[in-house]
PDB file of all heavy atoms in Angstrom:
ATOM      1  N   ILE A   1       0.818  -1.218   0.005  1.00  0.00           N
ATOM      2  CA  ILE A   1      -0.019   0.038   0.028  1.00  0.00           C
ATOM      3  C   ILE A   1       0.864   1.226  -0.024  1.00  0.00           C
ATOM      4  O   ILE A   1       0.650   2.145  -0.808  1.00  0.00           O
ATOM      5  CB  ILE A   1      -0.944  -0.034   1.188  1.00  0.00           C
ATOM      6  CG1 ILE A   1      -1.992  -1.087   0.927  1.00  0.00           C
ATOM      7  CG2 ILE A   1      -1.626   1.264   1.377  1.00  0.00           C
ATOM      8  CD1 ILE A   1      -2.893  -1.381   2.303  1.00  0.00           C
ATOM      9  N   LEU A   2       1.930   1.194   0.871  1.00  0.00           N
ATOM     10  CA  LEU A   2       2.821   2.451   0.920  1.00  0.00           C
ATOM     11  C   LEU A   2       3.421   2.703  -0.525  1.00  0.00           C
ATOM     12  O   LEU A   2       3.662   3.792  -0.987  1.00  0.00           O
ATOM     13  CB  LEU A   2       3.844   2.231   1.993  1.00  0.00           C
ATOM     14  CG  LEU A   2       3.328   2.401   3.410  1.00  0.00           C
ATOM     15  CD1 LEU A   2       4.400   1.904   4.470  1.00  0.00           C
ATOM     16  CD2 LEU A   2       2.984   3.881   3.649  1.00  0.00           C
ATOM     17  N   SER A   3       3.869   1.539  -1.140  1.00  0.00           N
ATOM     18  CA  SER A   3       4.519   1.683  -2.320  1.00  0.00           C
ATOM     19  C   SER A   3       3.525   2.161  -3.500  1.00  0.00           C
ATOM     20  O   SER A   3       3.895   3.152  -4.236  1.00  0.00           O
ATOM     21  CB  SER A   3       4.954   0.301  -2.911  1.00  0.00           C
ATOM     22  OG  SER A   3       5.500   0.367  -4.189  1.00  0.00           O
ATOM     23  N   GLU A   4       2.249   1.813  -3.394  1.00  0.00           N
ATOM     24  CA  GLU A   4       1.246   2.368  -4.414  1.00  0.00           C
ATOM     25  C   GLU A   4       0.948   3.937  -4.032  1.00  0.00           C
ATOM     26  O   GLU A   4       0.816   4.695  -4.959  1.00  0.00           O
ATOM     27  CB  GLU A   4      -0.075   1.569  -4.250  1.00  0.00           C
ATOM     28  CG  GLU A   4       0.170   0.061  -4.799  1.00  0.00           C
ATOM     29  CD  GLU A   4      -1.015  -0.790  -4.311  1.00  0.00           C
ATOM     30  OE1 GLU A   4      -1.787  -0.322  -3.456  1.00  0.00           O
ATOM     31  OE2 GLU A   4      -1.105  -1.915  -4.914  1.00  0.00           O
ATOM     32  N   ILE A   5       0.932   4.212  -2.756  1.00  0.00           N
ATOM     33  CA  ILE A   5       0.764   5.607  -2.406  1.00  0.00           C
ATOM     34  C   ILE A   5       1.836   6.526  -2.973  1.00  0.00           C
ATOM     35  O   ILE A   5       1.543   7.647  -3.587  1.00  0.00           O
ATOM     36  CB  ILE A   5       0.535   5.738  -0.891  1.00  0.00           C
ATOM     37  CG1 ILE A   5      -0.753   5.297  -0.417  1.00  0.00           C
ATOM     38  CG2 ILE A   5       0.828   7.185  -0.470  1.00  0.00           C
ATOM     39  CD1 ILE A   5      -0.941   5.106   1.073  1.00  0.00           C
ATOM     40  N   LYS A   6       3.072   6.008  -2.886  1.00  0.00           N
ATOM     41  CA  LYS A   6       4.162   6.741  -3.342  1.00  0.00           C
ATOM     42  C   LYS A   6       4.268   6.845  -4.874  1.00  0.00           C
ATOM     43  O   LYS A   6       4.964   7.743  -5.412  1.00  0.00           O
ATOM     44  CB  LYS A   6       5.465   6.196  -2.700  1.00  0.00           C
ATOM     45  CG  LYS A   6       5.559   6.590  -1.356  1.00  0.00           C
ATOM     46  CD  LYS A   6       6.918   6.191  -0.717  1.00  0.00           C
ATOM     47  CE  LYS A   6       7.246   4.674  -0.730  1.00  0.00           C
ATOM     48  NZ  LYS A   6       8.479   4.363   0.025  1.00  0.00           N
ATOM     49  N   ARG A   7       3.536   5.999  -5.578  1.00  0.00           N
ATOM     50  CA  ARG A   7       3.545   5.983  -6.967  1.00  0.00           C
ATOM     51  C   ARG A   7       2.601   7.008  -7.591  1.00  0.00           C
ATOM     52  O   ARG A   7       2.785   7.301  -8.846  1.00  0.00           O
ATOM     53  CB  ARG A   7       3.168   4.623  -7.599  1.00  0.00           C
ATOM     54  CG  ARG A   7       4.195   3.515  -7.382  1.00  0.00           C
ATOM     55  CD  ARG A   7       3.565   2.267  -7.829  1.00  0.00           C
ATOM     56  NE  ARG A   7       3.089   2.231  -9.167  1.00  0.00           N
ATOM     57  CZ  ARG A   7       2.202   1.356  -9.553  1.00  0.00           C
ATOM     58  NH1 ARG A   7       1.750   0.414  -8.847  1.00  0.00           N
ATOM     59  NH2 ARG A   7       1.753   1.471 -10.887  1.00  0.00           N
ATOM     60  N   ALA A   8       1.748   7.710  -6.851  1.00  0.00           N
ATOM     61  CA  ALA A   8       0.664   8.571  -7.398  1.00  0.00           C
ATOM     62  C   ALA A   8       0.775   9.892  -6.790  1.00  0.00           C
ATOM     63  O   ALA A   8       0.653  10.001  -5.536  1.00  0.00           O
ATOM     64  CB  ALA A   8      -0.562   7.929  -7.272  1.00  0.00           C
ATOM     65  N   ARG A   9       0.769  10.894  -7.681  1.00  0.00           N
ATOM     66  CA  ARG A   9       0.621  12.300  -7.116  1.00  0.00           C
ATOM     67  C   ARG A   9      -0.780  12.609  -6.682  1.00  0.00           C
ATOM     68  O   ARG A   9      -1.152  13.304  -5.745  1.00  0.00           O
ATOM     69  CB  ARG A   9       1.037  13.269  -8.224  1.00  0.00           C
ATOM     70  CG  ARG A   9       0.835  14.694  -7.764  1.00  0.00           C
ATOM     71  CD  ARG A   9       1.081  15.757  -8.794  1.00  0.00           C
ATOM     72  NE  ARG A   9       0.736  17.098  -8.275  1.00  0.00           N
ATOM     73  CZ  ARG A   9       0.618  18.106  -9.033  1.00  0.00           C
ATOM     74  NH1 ARG A   9       0.558  18.024 -10.374  1.00  0.00           N
ATOM     75  NH2 ARG A   9       0.303  19.364  -8.521  1.00  0.00           N
ATOM     76  N   PHE A  10      -1.869  11.949  -7.413  1.00  0.00           N
ATOM     77  CA  PHE A  10      -3.242  12.205  -7.131  1.00  0.00           C
ATOM     78  C   PHE A  10      -3.781  11.018  -6.367  1.00  0.00           C
ATOM     79  O   PHE A  10      -3.372   9.864  -6.629  1.00  0.00           O
ATOM     80  CB  PHE A  10      -3.984  12.495  -8.445  1.00  0.00           C
ATOM     81  CG  PHE A  10      -3.334  13.659  -9.172  1.00  0.00           C
ATOM     82  CD1 PHE A  10      -2.554  13.367 -10.271  1.00  0.00           C
ATOM     83  CD2 PHE A  10      -3.719  14.898  -8.858  1.00  0.00           C
ATOM     84  CE1 PHE A  10      -1.934  14.381 -11.062  1.00  0.00           C
ATOM     85  CE2 PHE A  10      -3.108  15.955  -9.552  1.00  0.00           C
ATOM     86  CZ  PHE A  10      -2.247  15.708 -10.697  1.00  0.00           C
ATOM     87  N   SER A  11      -4.767  11.214  -5.503  1.00  0.00           N
ATOM     88  CA  SER A  11      -5.521  10.254  -4.773  1.00  0.00           C
ATOM     89  C   SER A  11      -6.957  10.540  -4.648  1.00  0.00           C
ATOM     90  O   SER A  11      -7.437  11.650  -4.451  1.00  0.00           O
ATOM     91  CB  SER A  11      -4.908  10.101  -3.419  1.00  0.00           C
ATOM     92  OG  SER A  11      -3.484   9.762  -3.519  1.00  0.00           O
ATOM     93  N   ILE A  12      -7.772   9.369  -4.699  1.00  0.00           N
ATOM     94  CA  ILE A  12      -9.247   9.551  -4.366  1.00  0.00           C
ATOM     95  C   ILE A  12      -9.399   8.571  -3.293  1.00  0.00           C
ATOM     96  O   ILE A  12      -9.167   7.379  -3.228  1.00  0.00           O
ATOM     97  CB  ILE A  12     -10.072   9.035  -5.626  1.00  0.00           C
ATOM     98  CG1 ILE A  12      -9.880  10.136  -6.758  1.00  0.00           C
ATOM     99  CG2 ILE A  12     -11.570   9.045  -5.181  1.00  0.00           C
ATOM    100  CD1 ILE A  12     -10.691   9.743  -8.016  1.00  0.00           C
ATOM    101  N   HIS A  13      -9.886   9.131  -2.031  1.00  0.00           N
ATOM    102  CA  HIS A  13     -10.216   8.287  -0.943  1.00  0.00           C
ATOM    103  C   HIS A  13     -11.764   8.403  -0.596  1.00  0.00           C
ATOM    104  O   HIS A  13     -12.235   9.506  -0.288  1.00  0.00           O
ATOM    105  CB  HIS A  13      -9.456   8.946   0.261  1.00  0.00           C
ATOM    106  CG  HIS A  13      -7.974   8.836   0.039  1.00  0.00           C
ATOM    107  ND1 HIS A  13      -7.190   7.726   0.509  1.00  0.00           N
ATOM    108  CD2 HIS A  13      -7.092   9.619  -0.392  1.00  0.00           C
ATOM    109  CE1 HIS A  13      -6.007   7.984   0.255  1.00  0.00           C
ATOM    110  NE2 HIS A  13      -5.842   9.206  -0.356  1.00  0.00           N
ATOM    111  N   ASP A  14     -12.421   7.284  -0.781  1.00  0.00           N
ATOM    112  CA  ASP A  14     -13.741   7.254  -0.438  1.00  0.00           C
ATOM    113  C   ASP A  14     -13.969   6.572   0.981  1.00  0.00           C
ATOM    114  O   ASP A  14     -13.796   5.489   1.179  1.00  0.00           O
ATOM    115  CB  ASP A  14     -14.528   6.513  -1.494  1.00  0.00           C
ATOM    116  CG  ASP A  14     -16.070   6.579  -1.300  1.00  0.00           C
ATOM    117  OD1 ASP A  14     -16.592   6.883  -0.220  1.00  0.00           O
ATOM    118  OD2 ASP A  14     -16.792   6.526  -2.304  1.00  0.00           O
ATOM    119  N   LEU A  15     -14.352   7.500   1.981  1.00  0.00           N
ATOM    120  CA  LEU A  15     -14.480   6.961   3.272  1.00  0.00           C
ATOM    121  C   LEU A  15     -15.961   6.733   3.629  1.00  0.00           C
ATOM    122  O   LEU A  15     -16.263   6.866   4.837  1.00  0.00           O
ATOM    123  CB  LEU A  15     -13.850   8.062   4.261  1.00  0.00           C
ATOM    124  CG  LEU A  15     -12.346   8.346   3.856  1.00  0.00           C
ATOM    125  CD1 LEU A  15     -11.839   9.340   4.948  1.00  0.00           C
ATOM    126  CD2 LEU A  15     -11.527   7.210   3.746  1.00  0.00           C
ATOM    127  N   SER A  16     -16.804   6.468   2.784  1.00  0.00           N
ATOM    128  CA  SER A  16     -18.173   6.405   2.968  1.00  0.00           C
ATOM    129  C   SER A  16     -18.651   5.153   3.758  1.00  0.00           C
ATOM    130  O   SER A  16     -19.806   5.077   4.298  1.00  0.00           O
ATOM    131  CB  SER A  16     -19.044   6.358   1.585  1.00  0.00           C
ATOM    132  OG  SER A  16     -18.618   5.254   0.803  1.00  0.00           O
ATOM    133  N   ARG A  17     -17.767   4.096   3.950  1.00  0.00           N
ATOM    134  CA  ARG A  17     -18.041   2.961   4.779  1.00  0.00           C
ATOM    135  C   ARG A  17     -17.561   3.057   6.162  1.00  0.00           C
ATOM    136  O   ARG A  17     -17.620   2.107   6.862  1.00  0.00           O
ATOM    137  CB  ARG A  17     -17.546   1.735   4.062  1.00  0.00           C
ATOM    138  CG  ARG A  17     -18.063   1.565   2.612  1.00  0.00           C
ATOM    139  CD  ARG A  17     -19.562   1.090   2.667  1.00  0.00           C
ATOM    140  NE  ARG A  17     -19.973   0.901   1.249  1.00  0.00           N
ATOM    141  CZ  ARG A  17     -19.810  -0.183   0.522  1.00  0.00           C
ATOM    142  NH1 ARG A  17     -19.157  -1.163   1.015  1.00  0.00           N
ATOM    143  NH2 ARG A  17     -20.209  -0.356  -0.676  1.00  0.00           N
ATOM    144  N   THR A  18     -16.961   4.242   6.498  1.00  0.00           N
ATOM    145  CA  THR A  18     -16.260   4.208   7.865  1.00  0.00           C
ATOM    146  C   THR A  18     -17.281   3.992   8.949  1.00  0.00           C
ATOM    147  O   THR A  18     -16.999   3.469   9.963  1.00  0.00           O
ATOM    148  CB  THR A  18     -15.535   5.551   7.912  1.00  0.00           C
ATOM    149  OG1 THR A  18     -14.715   5.769   6.901  1.00  0.00           O
ATOM    150  CG2 THR A  18     -14.758   5.621   9.284  1.00  0.00           C
ATOM    151  N   GLU A  19     -18.527   4.354   8.716  1.00  0.00           N
ATOM    152  CA  GLU A  19     -19.434   4.455   9.892  1.00  0.00           C
ATOM    153  C   GLU A  19     -19.929   2.999  10.149  1.00  0.00           C
ATOM    154  O   GLU A  19     -20.398   2.660  11.144  1.00  0.00           O
ATOM    155  CB  GLU A  19     -20.687   5.260   9.599  1.00  0.00           C
ATOM    156  CG  GLU A  19     -21.617   4.684   8.515  1.00  0.00           C
ATOM    157  CD  GLU A  19     -21.305   4.933   7.080  1.00  0.00           C
ATOM    158  OE1 GLU A  19     -20.115   5.392   6.972  1.00  0.00           O
ATOM    159  OE2 GLU A  19     -22.008   4.709   6.152  1.00  0.00           O
ATOM    160  N   SER A  20     -19.550   2.093   9.229  1.00  0.00           N
ATOM    161  CA  SER A  20     -19.930   0.665   9.420  1.00  0.00           C
ATOM    162  C   SER A  20     -18.761  -0.207   9.746  1.00  0.00           C
ATOM    163  O   SER A  20     -18.677  -1.346   9.378  1.00  0.00           O
ATOM    164  CB  SER A  20     -20.667   0.053   8.138  1.00  0.00           C
ATOM    165  OG  SER A  20     -19.806   0.230   7.048  1.00  0.00           O
ATOM    166  N   ALA A  21     -17.845   0.454  10.359  1.00  0.00           N
ATOM    167  CA  ALA A  21     -16.568  -0.271  10.946  1.00  0.00           C
ATOM    168  C   ALA A  21     -15.732  -0.720   9.824  1.00  0.00           C
ATOM    169  O   ALA A  21     -15.088  -1.865   9.894  1.00  0.00           O
ATOM    170  CB  ALA A  21     -16.923  -1.410  11.859  1.00  0.00           C
ATOM    171  N   ARG A  22     -15.645  -0.101   8.706  1.00  0.00           N
ATOM    172  CA  ARG A  22     -14.705  -0.449   7.614  1.00  0.00           C
ATOM    173  C   ARG A  22     -13.499   0.503   7.726  1.00  0.00           C
ATOM    174  O   ARG A  22     -13.577   1.650   7.216  1.00  0.00           O
ATOM    175  CB  ARG A  22     -15.373  -0.255   6.205  1.00  0.00           C
ATOM    176  CG  ARG A  22     -16.496  -1.213   6.068  1.00  0.00           C
ATOM    177  CD  ARG A  22     -15.990  -2.683   5.722  1.00  0.00           C
ATOM    178  NE  ARG A  22     -15.362  -2.802   4.550  1.00  0.00           N
ATOM    179  CZ  ARG A  22     -16.057  -2.955   3.348  1.00  0.00           C
ATOM    180  NH1 ARG A  22     -17.330  -3.038   3.341  1.00  0.00           N
ATOM    181  NH2 ARG A  22     -15.394  -3.083   2.190  1.00  0.00           N
ATOM    182  N   TYR A  23     -12.456   0.185   8.423  1.00  0.00           N
ATOM    183  CA  TYR A  23     -11.403   1.062   8.866  1.00  0.00           C
ATOM    184  C   TYR A  23     -10.154   1.111   7.941  1.00  0.00           C
ATOM    185  O   TYR A  23      -9.316   1.978   8.096  1.00  0.00           O
ATOM    186  CB  TYR A  23     -10.927   0.854  10.328  1.00  0.00           C
ATOM    187  CG  TYR A  23     -12.053   0.970  11.395  1.00  0.00           C
ATOM    188  CD1 TYR A  23     -12.322  -0.051  12.269  1.00  0.00           C
ATOM    189  CD2 TYR A  23     -12.919   1.956  11.331  1.00  0.00           C
ATOM    190  CE1 TYR A  23     -13.300   0.082  13.194  1.00  0.00           C
ATOM    191  CE2 TYR A  23     -13.943   2.075  12.158  1.00  0.00           C
ATOM    192  CZ  TYR A  23     -14.071   1.113  13.171  1.00  0.00           C
ATOM    193  OH  TYR A  23     -15.082   1.326  14.059  1.00  0.00           O
ATOM    194  N   ASN A  24     -10.125   0.082   6.947  1.00  0.00           N
ATOM    195  CA  ASN A  24      -8.999   0.148   6.076  1.00  0.00           C
ATOM    196  C   ASN A  24      -8.837   1.401   5.312  1.00  0.00           C
ATOM    197  O   ASN A  24      -7.821   2.062   5.073  1.00  0.00           O
ATOM    198  CB  ASN A  24      -9.087  -1.065   4.998  1.00  0.00           C
ATOM    199  CG  ASN A  24      -8.688  -2.287   5.619  1.00  0.00           C
ATOM    200  OD1 ASN A  24      -8.203  -2.302   6.733  1.00  0.00           O
ATOM    201  ND2 ASN A  24      -8.952  -3.333   4.998  1.00  0.00           N
ATOM    202  N   MET A  25     -10.077   2.029   4.833  1.00  0.00           N
ATOM    203  CA  MET A  25     -10.051   3.174   4.085  1.00  0.00           C
ATOM    204  C   MET A  25      -9.401   4.452   4.783  1.00  0.00           C
ATOM    205  O   MET A  25      -8.597   5.146   4.269  1.00  0.00           O
ATOM    206  CB  MET A  25     -11.364   3.478   3.443  1.00  0.00           C
ATOM    207  CG  MET A  25     -11.679   2.683   2.118  1.00  0.00           C
ATOM    208  SD  MET A  25     -12.072   1.004   2.423  1.00  0.00           S
ATOM    209  CE  MET A  25     -13.676   1.056   3.149  1.00  0.00           C
ATOM    210  N   PRO A  26      -9.947   4.694   6.013  1.00  0.00           N
ATOM    211  CA  PRO A  26      -9.346   5.907   6.681  1.00  0.00           C
ATOM    212  C   PRO A  26      -7.969   5.650   6.969  1.00  0.00           C
ATOM    213  O   PRO A  26      -7.177   6.653   7.032  1.00  0.00           O
ATOM    214  CB  PRO A  26     -10.232   6.074   7.909  1.00  0.00           C
ATOM    215  CG  PRO A  26     -11.116   4.776   7.965  1.00  0.00           C
ATOM    216  CD  PRO A  26     -11.175   4.232   6.633  1.00  0.00           C
ATOM    217  N   PHE A  27      -7.572   4.369   7.409  1.00  0.00           N
ATOM    218  CA  PHE A  27      -6.075   4.177   7.565  1.00  0.00           C
ATOM    219  C   PHE A  27      -5.243   4.495   6.376  1.00  0.00           C
ATOM    220  O   PHE A  27      -4.229   5.107   6.475  1.00  0.00           O
ATOM    221  CB  PHE A  27      -5.931   2.740   8.061  1.00  0.00           C
ATOM    222  CG  PHE A  27      -4.534   2.265   8.292  1.00  0.00           C
ATOM    223  CD1 PHE A  27      -3.848   2.741   9.433  1.00  0.00           C
ATOM    224  CD2 PHE A  27      -3.898   1.452   7.441  1.00  0.00           C
ATOM    225  CE1 PHE A  27      -2.590   2.380   9.614  1.00  0.00           C
ATOM    226  CE2 PHE A  27      -2.552   1.028   7.597  1.00  0.00           C
ATOM    227  CZ  PHE A  27      -1.961   1.490   8.680  1.00  0.00           C
ATOM    228  N   GLU A  28      -5.737   4.060   5.164  1.00  0.00           N
ATOM    229  CA  GLU A  28      -4.848   4.342   4.025  1.00  0.00           C
ATOM    230  C   GLU A  28      -4.937   5.730   3.632  1.00  0.00           C
ATOM    231  O   GLU A  28      -3.872   6.353   3.208  1.00  0.00           O
ATOM    232  CB  GLU A  28      -5.476   3.524   2.796  1.00  0.00           C
ATOM    233  CG  GLU A  28      -5.130   1.970   2.964  1.00  0.00           C
ATOM    234  CD  GLU A  28      -5.780   1.153   1.937  1.00  0.00           C
ATOM    235  OE1 GLU A  28      -6.085   1.663   0.867  1.00  0.00           O
ATOM    236  OE2 GLU A  28      -5.962  -0.062   2.186  1.00  0.00           O
TER     237      GLU A  28
END
């Protein structure tokens, strides 16, 4: 994941599932 993050200047983070205990997205 860290390698993928460093490969991209732009990012889209959809945190719409955080309220249902899906924590991978806010962590990333």
